[in-house]
């Protein structure tokens, strides 16, 4: 299994929706691929951070919040973001 396949299947892997063979192949890939191990750790850290932000465990400093809002305004397509 190659890195792109692992990334494409990552959510299914984390939610235990893969066949036993696919799961085994991804596990083997993670054991051998330092880049994918790092990607997995980063992904999990990001999910945890977002969850903590949603539960107000982490307060975003006002200047950071303002910069983020400005960035989103500049880069949004047709979506409306909550301020």
PDB file of N, CA and C in Angstrom:
ATOM      1  N   UNK A   1       0.859  -1.175   0.000  1.00  0.00           N
ATOM      2  CA  UNK A   1       0.000   0.000   0.000  1.00  0.00           C
ATOM      3  C   UNK A   1       0.901   1.232   0.000  1.00  0.00           C
ATOM      4  N   UNK A   2       0.517   2.227  -0.796  1.00  0.00           N
ATOM      5  CA  UNK A   2       1.295   3.449  -0.898  1.00  0.00           C
ATOM      6  C   UNK A   2       0.699   4.552  -0.023  1.00  0.00           C
ATOM      7  N   UNK A   3       1.498   5.595   0.211  1.00  0.00           N
ATOM      8  CA  UNK A   3       1.084   6.685   1.102  1.00  0.00           C
ATOM      9  C   UNK A   3      -0.249   7.301   0.693  1.00  0.00           C
ATOM     10  N   UNK A   4      -0.450   7.546  -0.586  1.00  0.00           N
ATOM     11  CA  UNK A   4      -1.702   8.158  -1.033  1.00  0.00           C
ATOM     12  C   UNK A   4      -2.897   7.287  -0.673  1.00  0.00           C
ATOM     13  N   UNK A   5      -2.761   5.994  -0.809  1.00  0.00           N
ATOM     14  CA  UNK A   5      -3.855   5.093  -0.456  1.00  0.00           C
ATOM     15  C   UNK A   5      -4.145   5.161   1.044  1.00  0.00           C
ATOM     16  N   UNK A   6      -3.089   5.239   1.832  1.00  0.00           N
ATOM     17  CA  UNK A   6      -3.256   5.335   3.287  1.00  0.00           C
ATOM     18  C   UNK A   6      -4.012   6.613   3.644  1.00  0.00           C
ATOM     19  N   UNK A   7      -3.607   7.731   3.053  1.00  0.00           N
ATOM     20  CA  UNK A   7      -4.276   9.005   3.322  1.00  0.00           C
ATOM     21  C   UNK A   7      -5.733   8.944   2.878  1.00  0.00           C
ATOM     22  N   UNK A   8      -5.981   8.354   1.717  1.00  0.00           N
ATOM     23  CA  UNK A   8      -7.360   8.243   1.221  1.00  0.00           C
ATOM     24  C   UNK A   8      -8.246   7.397   2.133  1.00  0.00           C
ATOM     25  N   UNK A   9      -7.654   6.430   2.807  1.00  0.00           N
ATOM     26  CA  UNK A   9      -8.419   5.522   3.678  1.00  0.00           C
ATOM     27  C   UNK A   9      -8.334   5.882   5.158  1.00  0.00           C
ATOM     28  N   UNK A  10      -7.671   6.986   5.480  1.00  0.00           N
ATOM     29  CA  UNK A  10      -7.386   7.303   6.884  1.00  0.00           C
ATOM     30  C   UNK A  10      -8.640   7.410   7.746  1.00  0.00           C
ATOM     31  N   UNK A  11      -9.641   8.114   7.286  1.00  0.00           N
ATOM     32  CA  UNK A  11     -10.850   8.285   8.098  1.00  0.00           C
ATOM     33  C   UNK A  11     -11.533   6.938   8.321  1.00  0.00           C
ATOM     34  N   UNK A  12     -11.635   6.142   7.269  1.00  0.00           N
ATOM     35  CA  UNK A  12     -12.224   4.810   7.431  1.00  0.00           C
ATOM     36  C   UNK A  12     -11.395   3.952   8.387  1.00  0.00           C
ATOM     37  N   UNK A  13     -10.082   4.108   8.325  1.00  0.00           N
ATOM     38  CA  UNK A  13      -9.190   3.381   9.241  1.00  0.00           C
ATOM     39  C   UNK A  13      -9.463   3.796  10.694  1.00  0.00           C
ATOM     40  N   UNK A  14      -9.521   5.090  10.926  1.00  0.00           N
ATOM     41  CA  UNK A  14      -9.724   5.592  12.289  1.00  0.00           C
ATOM     42  C   UNK A  14     -11.113   5.269  12.829  1.00  0.00           C
ATOM     43  N   UNK A  15     -12.085   5.125  11.930  1.00  0.00           N
ATOM     44  CA  UNK A  15     -13.454   4.812  12.350  1.00  0.00           C
ATOM     45  C   UNK A  15     -13.759   3.322  12.237  1.00  0.00           C
ATOM     46  N   UNK A  16     -12.722   2.532  12.023  1.00  0.00           N
ATOM     47  CA  UNK A  16     -12.833   1.060  11.988  1.00  0.00           C
ATOM     48  C   UNK A  16     -13.841   0.574  10.957  1.00  0.00           C
ATOM     49  N   UNK A  17     -13.776   1.166   9.760  1.00  0.00           N
ATOM     50  CA  UNK A  17     -14.695   0.782   8.690  1.00  0.00           C
ATOM     51  C   UNK A  17     -13.991   0.047   7.548  1.00  0.00           C
ATOM     52  N   UNK A  18     -12.792  -0.447   7.786  1.00  0.00           N
ATOM     53  CA  UNK A  18     -12.053  -1.168   6.756  1.00  0.00           C
ATOM     54  C   UNK A  18     -12.200  -2.671   6.928  1.00  0.00           C
ATOM     55  N   UNK A  19     -11.925  -3.373   5.862  1.00  0.00           N
ATOM     56  CA  UNK A  19     -11.886  -4.830   5.966  1.00  0.00           C
ATOM     57  C   UNK A  19     -10.668  -5.208   6.812  1.00  0.00           C
ATOM     58  N   UNK A  20     -10.659  -6.381   7.391  1.00  0.00           N
ATOM     59  CA  UNK A  20      -9.479  -6.800   8.161  1.00  0.00           C
ATOM     60  C   UNK A  20      -8.188  -6.746   7.336  1.00  0.00           C
ATOM     61  N   UNK A  21      -8.269  -7.099   6.059  1.00  0.00           N
ATOM     62  CA  UNK A  21      -7.080  -7.060   5.215  1.00  0.00           C
ATOM     63  C   UNK A  21      -6.595  -5.628   5.004  1.00  0.00           C
ATOM     64  N   UNK A  22      -7.506  -4.705   4.712  1.00  0.00           N
ATOM     65  CA  UNK A  22      -7.119  -3.299   4.536  1.00  0.00           C
ATOM     66  C   UNK A  22      -6.502  -2.746   5.814  1.00  0.00           C
ATOM     67  N   UNK A  23      -7.114  -3.059   6.947  1.00  0.00           N
ATOM     68  CA  UNK A  23      -6.602  -2.601   8.233  1.00  0.00           C
ATOM     69  C   UNK A  23      -5.174  -3.108   8.449  1.00  0.00           C
ATOM     70  N   UNK A  24      -4.966  -4.370   8.167  1.00  0.00           N
ATOM     71  CA  UNK A  24      -3.643  -4.979   8.333  1.00  0.00           C
ATOM     72  C   UNK A  24      -2.615  -4.318   7.405  1.00  0.00           C
ATOM     73  N   UNK A  25      -3.020  -4.029   6.170  1.00  0.00           N
ATOM     74  CA  UNK A  25      -2.114  -3.398   5.218  1.00  0.00           C
ATOM     75  C   UNK A  25      -1.740  -1.981   5.661  1.00  0.00           C
ATOM     76  N   UNK A  26      -2.704  -1.239   6.176  1.00  0.00           N
ATOM     77  CA  UNK A  26      -2.406   0.113   6.659  1.00  0.00           C
ATOM     78  C   UNK A  26      -1.499   0.049   7.875  1.00  0.00           C
ATOM     79  N   UNK A  27      -1.775  -0.856   8.794  1.00  0.00           N
ATOM     80  CA  UNK A  27      -0.912  -1.015   9.966  1.00  0.00           C
ATOM     81  C   UNK A  27       0.531  -1.309   9.542  1.00  0.00           C
ATOM     82  N   UNK A  28       0.696  -2.193   8.574  1.00  0.00           N
ATOM     83  CA  UNK A  28       2.032  -2.531   8.078  1.00  0.00           C
ATOM     84  C   UNK A  28       2.692  -1.305   7.455  1.00  0.00           C
ATOM     85  N   UNK A  29       1.911  -0.521   6.726  1.00  0.00           N
ATOM     86  CA  UNK A  29       2.454   0.692   6.109  1.00  0.00           C
ATOM     87  C   UNK A  29       2.909   1.675   7.183  1.00  0.00           C
ATOM     88  N   UNK A  30       2.084   1.882   8.211  1.00  0.00           N
ATOM     89  CA  UNK A  30       2.456   2.797   9.286  1.00  0.00           C
ATOM     90  C   UNK A  30       3.747   2.346   9.976  1.00  0.00           C
ATOM     91  N   UNK A  31       3.917   1.067  10.166  1.00  0.00           N
ATOM     92  CA  UNK A  31       5.130   0.561  10.801  1.00  0.00           C
ATOM     93  C   UNK A  31       6.373   0.881   9.986  1.00  0.00           C
ATOM     94  N   UNK A  32       6.231   0.903   8.661  1.00  0.00           N
ATOM     95  CA  UNK A  32       7.386   1.086   7.782  1.00  0.00           C
ATOM     96  C   UNK A  32       7.589   2.521   7.302  1.00  0.00           C
ATOM     97  N   UNK A  33       6.591   3.384   7.455  1.00  0.00           N
ATOM     98  CA  UNK A  33       6.646   4.720   6.842  1.00  0.00           C
ATOM     99  C   UNK A  33       6.610   5.823   7.900  1.00  0.00           C
ATOM    100  N   UNK A  34       7.746   6.433   8.125  1.00  0.00           N
ATOM    101  CA  UNK A  34       7.849   7.504   9.127  1.00  0.00           C
ATOM    102  C   UNK A  34       6.995   8.713   8.743  1.00  0.00           C
ATOM    103  N   UNK A  35       6.902   9.010   7.449  1.00  0.00           N
ATOM    104  CA  UNK A  35       6.107  10.160   7.009  1.00  0.00           C
ATOM    105  C   UNK A  35       4.629   9.964   7.330  1.00  0.00           C
ATOM    106  N   UNK A  36       4.125   8.769   7.095  1.00  0.00           N
ATOM    107  CA  UNK A  36       2.712   8.502   7.404  1.00  0.00           C
ATOM    108  C   UNK A  36       2.468   8.450   8.913  1.00  0.00           C
ATOM    109  N   UNK A  37       3.441   7.994   9.677  1.00  0.00           N
ATOM    110  CA  UNK A  37       3.317   8.031  11.140  1.00  0.00           C
ATOM    111  C   UNK A  37       3.180   9.482  11.601  1.00  0.00           C
ATOM    112  N   UNK A  38       4.007  10.356  11.035  1.00  0.00           N
ATOM    113  CA  UNK A  38       3.948  11.779  11.382  1.00  0.00           C
ATOM    114  C   UNK A  38       2.619  12.375  10.954  1.00  0.00           C
ATOM    115  N   UNK A  39       2.156  12.029   9.754  1.00  0.00           N
ATOM    116  CA  UNK A  39       0.870  12.518   9.271  1.00  0.00           C
ATOM    117  C   UNK A  39      -0.254  12.092  10.215  1.00  0.00           C
ATOM    118  N   UNK A  40      -0.239  10.839  10.644  1.00  0.00           N
ATOM    119  CA  UNK A  40      -1.274  10.329  11.551  1.00  0.00           C
ATOM    120  C   UNK A  40      -1.250  11.083  12.877  1.00  0.00           C
ATOM    121  N   UNK A  41      -0.069  11.289  13.438  1.00  0.00           N
ATOM    122  CA  UNK A  41       0.031  12.044  14.697  1.00  0.00           C
ATOM    123  C   UNK A  41      -0.488  13.472  14.531  1.00  0.00           C
ATOM    124  N   UNK A  42      -0.120  14.110  13.424  1.00  0.00           N
ATOM    125  CA  UNK A  42      -0.572  15.477  13.162  1.00  0.00           C
ATOM    126  C   UNK A  42      -2.086  15.528  12.986  1.00  0.00           C
ATOM    127  N   UNK A  43      -2.621  14.569  12.257  1.00  0.00           N
ATOM    128  CA  UNK A  43      -4.073  14.500  12.049  1.00  0.00           C
ATOM    129  C   UNK A  43      -4.791  14.347  13.390  1.00  0.00           C
ATOM    130  N   UNK A  44      -4.326  13.411  14.202  1.00  0.00           N
ATOM    131  CA  UNK A  44      -4.955  13.189  15.506  1.00  0.00           C
ATOM    132  C   UNK A  44      -4.832  14.418  16.403  1.00  0.00           C
ATOM    133  N   UNK A  45      -3.696  15.093  16.371  1.00  0.00           N
ATOM    134  CA  UNK A  45      -3.514  16.313  17.161  1.00  0.00           C
ATOM    135  C   UNK A  45      -4.470  17.403  16.705  1.00  0.00           C
ATOM    136  N   UNK A  46      -4.658  17.523  15.403  1.00  0.00           N
ATOM    137  CA  UNK A  46      -5.570  18.533  14.861  1.00  0.00           C
ATOM    138  C   UNK A  46      -7.007  18.251  15.290  1.00  0.00           C
ATOM    139  N   UNK A  47      -7.420  17.009  15.206  1.00  0.00           N
ATOM    140  CA  UNK A  47      -8.773  16.634  15.629  1.00  0.00           C
ATOM    141  C   UNK A  47      -8.975  16.954  17.112  1.00  0.00           C
ATOM    142  N   UNK A  48      -7.988  16.633  17.932  1.00  0.00           N
ATOM    143  CA  UNK A  48      -8.070  16.917  19.368  1.00  0.00           C
ATOM    144  C   UNK A  48      -8.149  18.418  19.623  1.00  0.00           C
ATOM    145  N   UNK A  49      -7.339  19.190  18.929  1.00  0.00           N
ATOM    146  CA  UNK A  49      -7.349  20.640  19.096  1.00  0.00           C
ATOM    147  C   UNK A  49      -8.707  21.224  18.718  1.00  0.00           C
ATOM    148  N   UNK A  50      -9.250  20.788  17.601  1.00  0.00           N
ATOM    149  CA  UNK A  50     -10.560  21.295  17.181  1.00  0.00           C
ATOM    150  C   UNK A  50     -11.641  20.911  18.180  1.00  0.00           C
ATOM    151  N   UNK A  51     -11.591  19.695  18.668  1.00  0.00           N
ATOM    152  CA  UNK A  51     -12.570  19.250  19.663  1.00  0.00           C
ATOM    153  C   UNK A  51     -12.466  20.119  20.925  1.00  0.00           C
ATOM    154  N   UNK A  52     -11.247  20.386  21.359  1.00  0.00           N
ATOM    155  CA  UNK A  52     -11.045  21.208  22.550  1.00  0.00           C
ATOM    156  C   UNK A  52     -11.515  22.644  22.322  1.00  0.00           C
ATOM    157  N   UNK A  53     -11.295  23.169  21.122  1.00  0.00           N
ATOM    158  CA  UNK A  53     -11.767  24.521  20.814  1.00  0.00           C
ATOM    159  C   UNK A  53     -13.287  24.583  20.847  1.00  0.00           C
ATOM    160  N   UNK A  54     -13.926  23.565  20.311  1.00  0.00           N
ATOM    161  CA  UNK A  54     -15.390  23.539  20.292  1.00  0.00           C
ATOM    162  C   UNK A  54     -15.969  23.423  21.698  1.00  0.00           C
ATOM    163  N   UNK A  55     -15.242  22.796  22.591  1.00  0.00           N
ATOM    164  CA  UNK A  55     -15.720  22.617  23.958  1.00  0.00           C
ATOM    165  C   UNK A  55     -15.216  23.730  24.874  1.00  0.00           C
ATOM    166  N   UNK A  56     -14.652  24.782  24.276  1.00  0.00           N
ATOM    167  CA  UNK A  56     -14.145  25.943  25.014  1.00  0.00           C
ATOM    168  C   UNK A  56     -13.088  25.586  26.044  1.00  0.00           C
ATOM    169  N   UNK A  57     -12.341  24.524  25.791  1.00  0.00           N
ATOM    170  CA  UNK A  57     -11.234  24.194  26.686  1.00  0.00           C
ATOM    171  C   UNK A  57     -10.028  25.085  26.397  1.00  0.00           C
ATOM    172  N   UNK A  58      -9.992  25.628  25.187  1.00  0.00           N
ATOM    173  CA  UNK A  58      -8.889  26.486  24.777  1.00  0.00           C
ATOM    174  C   UNK A  58      -9.482  27.813  24.323  1.00  0.00           C
ATOM    175  N   UNK A  59      -8.958  28.897  24.841  1.00  0.00           N
ATOM    176  CA  UNK A  59      -9.411  30.220  24.434  1.00  0.00           C
ATOM    177  C   UNK A  59      -8.448  30.771  23.387  1.00  0.00           C
ATOM    178  N   UNK A  60      -8.991  31.228  22.270  1.00  0.00           N
ATOM    179  CA  UNK A  60      -8.177  31.835  21.228  1.00  0.00           C
ATOM    180  C   UNK A  60      -8.001  33.308  21.574  1.00  0.00           C
ATOM    181  N   UNK A  61      -6.750  33.772  21.620  1.00  0.00           N
ATOM    182  CA  UNK A  61      -6.531  35.201  21.881  1.00  0.00           C
ATOM    183  C   UNK A  61      -7.223  36.052  20.811  1.00  0.00           C
ATOM    184  N   UNK A  62      -7.737  37.190  21.220  1.00  0.00           N
ATOM    185  CA  UNK A  62      -8.513  38.043  20.311  1.00  0.00           C
ATOM    186  C   UNK A  62      -7.746  38.419  19.046  1.00  0.00           C
ATOM    187  N   UNK A  63      -6.463  38.789  19.110  1.00  0.00           N
ATOM    188  CA  UNK A  63      -5.748  39.115  17.862  1.00  0.00           C
ATOM    189  C   UNK A  63      -5.671  37.924  16.893  1.00  0.00           C
ATOM    190  N   UNK A  64      -5.528  36.729  17.422  1.00  0.00           N
ATOM    191  CA  UNK A  64      -5.477  35.538  16.584  1.00  0.00           C
ATOM    192  C   UNK A  64      -6.850  35.295  15.961  1.00  0.00           C
ATOM    193  N   UNK A  65      -7.889  35.456  16.756  1.00  0.00           N
ATOM    194  CA  UNK A  65      -9.253  35.275  16.251  1.00  0.00           C
ATOM    195  C   UNK A  65      -9.540  36.270  15.128  1.00  0.00           C
ATOM    196  N   UNK A  66      -9.115  37.529  15.305  1.00  0.00           N
ATOM    197  CA  UNK A  66      -9.346  38.540  14.277  1.00  0.00           C
ATOM    198  C   UNK A  66      -8.587  38.219  12.994  1.00  0.00           C
ATOM    199  N   UNK A  67      -7.342  37.769  13.116  1.00  0.00           N
ATOM    200  CA  UNK A  67      -6.552  37.411  11.933  1.00  0.00           C
ATOM    201  C   UNK A  67      -7.173  36.212  11.212  1.00  0.00           C
ATOM    202  N   UNK A  68      -7.659  35.245  11.967  1.00  0.00           N
ATOM    203  CA  UNK A  68      -8.295  34.076  11.381  1.00  0.00           C
ATOM    204  C   UNK A  68      -9.569  34.464  10.643  1.00  0.00           C
ATOM    205  N   UNK A  69     -10.357  35.314  11.257  1.00  0.00           N
ATOM    206  CA  UNK A  69     -11.589  35.759  10.604  1.00  0.00           C
ATOM    207  C   UNK A  69     -11.277  36.509   9.313  1.00  0.00           C
ATOM    208  N   UNK A  70     -10.265  37.364   9.344  1.00  0.00           N
ATOM    209  CA  UNK A  70      -9.878  38.103   8.146  1.00  0.00           C
ATOM    210  C   UNK A  70      -9.392  37.153   7.044  1.00  0.00           C
ATOM    211  N   UNK A  71      -8.618  36.158   7.427  1.00  0.00           N
ATOM    212  CA  UNK A  71      -8.138  35.161   6.476  1.00  0.00           C
ATOM    213  C   UNK A  71      -9.311  34.435   5.832  1.00  0.00           C
ATOM    214  N   UNK A  72     -10.253  34.008   6.645  1.00  0.00           N
ATOM    215  CA  UNK A  72     -11.420  33.282   6.118  1.00  0.00           C
ATOM    216  C   UNK A  72     -12.247  34.156   5.181  1.00  0.00           C
ATOM    217  N   UNK A  73     -12.389  35.435   5.522  1.00  0.00           N
ATOM    218  CA  UNK A  73     -13.133  36.340   4.644  1.00  0.00           C
ATOM    219  C   UNK A  73     -12.452  36.463   3.285  1.00  0.00           C
ATOM    220  N   UNK A  74     -11.136  36.529   3.295  1.00  0.00           N
ATOM    221  CA  UNK A  74     -10.389  36.691   2.049  1.00  0.00           C
ATOM    222  C   UNK A  74     -10.378  35.425   1.206  1.00  0.00           C
ATOM    223  N   UNK A  75     -10.500  34.262   1.835  1.00  0.00           N
ATOM    224  CA  UNK A  75     -10.346  33.006   1.117  1.00  0.00           C
ATOM    225  C   UNK A  75     -11.627  32.194   0.966  1.00  0.00           C
ATOM    226  N   UNK A  76     -12.729  32.725   1.389  1.00  0.00           N
ATOM    227  CA  UNK A  76     -13.964  31.957   1.246  1.00  0.00           C
ATOM    228  C   UNK A  76     -14.456  32.017  -0.191  1.00  0.00           C
ATOM    229  N   UNK A  77     -15.178  30.987  -0.537  1.00  0.00           N
ATOM    230  CA  UNK A  77     -15.798  30.973  -1.863  1.00  0.00           C
ATOM    231  C   UNK A  77     -17.208  31.508  -1.699  1.00  0.00           C
ATOM    232  N   UNK A  78     -18.178  30.643  -1.684  1.00  0.00           N
ATOM    233  CA  UNK A  78     -19.566  31.059  -1.502  1.00  0.00           C
ATOM    234  C   UNK A  78     -20.062  30.738  -0.101  1.00  0.00           C
ATOM    235  N   UNK A  79     -19.180  30.328   0.758  1.00  0.00           N
ATOM    236  CA  UNK A  79     -19.602  29.945   2.110  1.00  0.00           C
ATOM    237  C   UNK A  79     -19.676  31.156   3.007  1.00  0.00           C
ATOM    238  N   UNK A  80     -20.527  31.065   4.004  1.00  0.00           N
ATOM    239  CA  UNK A  80     -20.640  32.100   5.013  1.00  0.00           C
ATOM    240  C   UNK A  80     -20.080  31.544   6.308  1.00  0.00           C
ATOM    241  N   UNK A  81     -19.140  32.249   6.891  1.00  0.00           N
ATOM    242  CA  UNK A  81     -18.502  31.806   8.128  1.00  0.00           C
ATOM    243  C   UNK A  81     -19.095  32.561   9.307  1.00  0.00           C
ATOM    244  N   UNK A  82     -19.234  31.858  10.394  1.00  0.00           N
ATOM    245  CA  UNK A  82     -19.745  32.456  11.622  1.00  0.00           C
ATOM    246  C   UNK A  82     -18.637  33.278  12.248  1.00  0.00           C
ATOM    247  N   UNK A  83     -18.989  34.471  12.700  1.00  0.00           N
ATOM    248  CA  UNK A  83     -17.996  35.331  13.347  1.00  0.00           C
ATOM    249  C   UNK A  83     -18.166  35.350  14.831  1.00  0.00           C
TER     250      UNK A  83
END
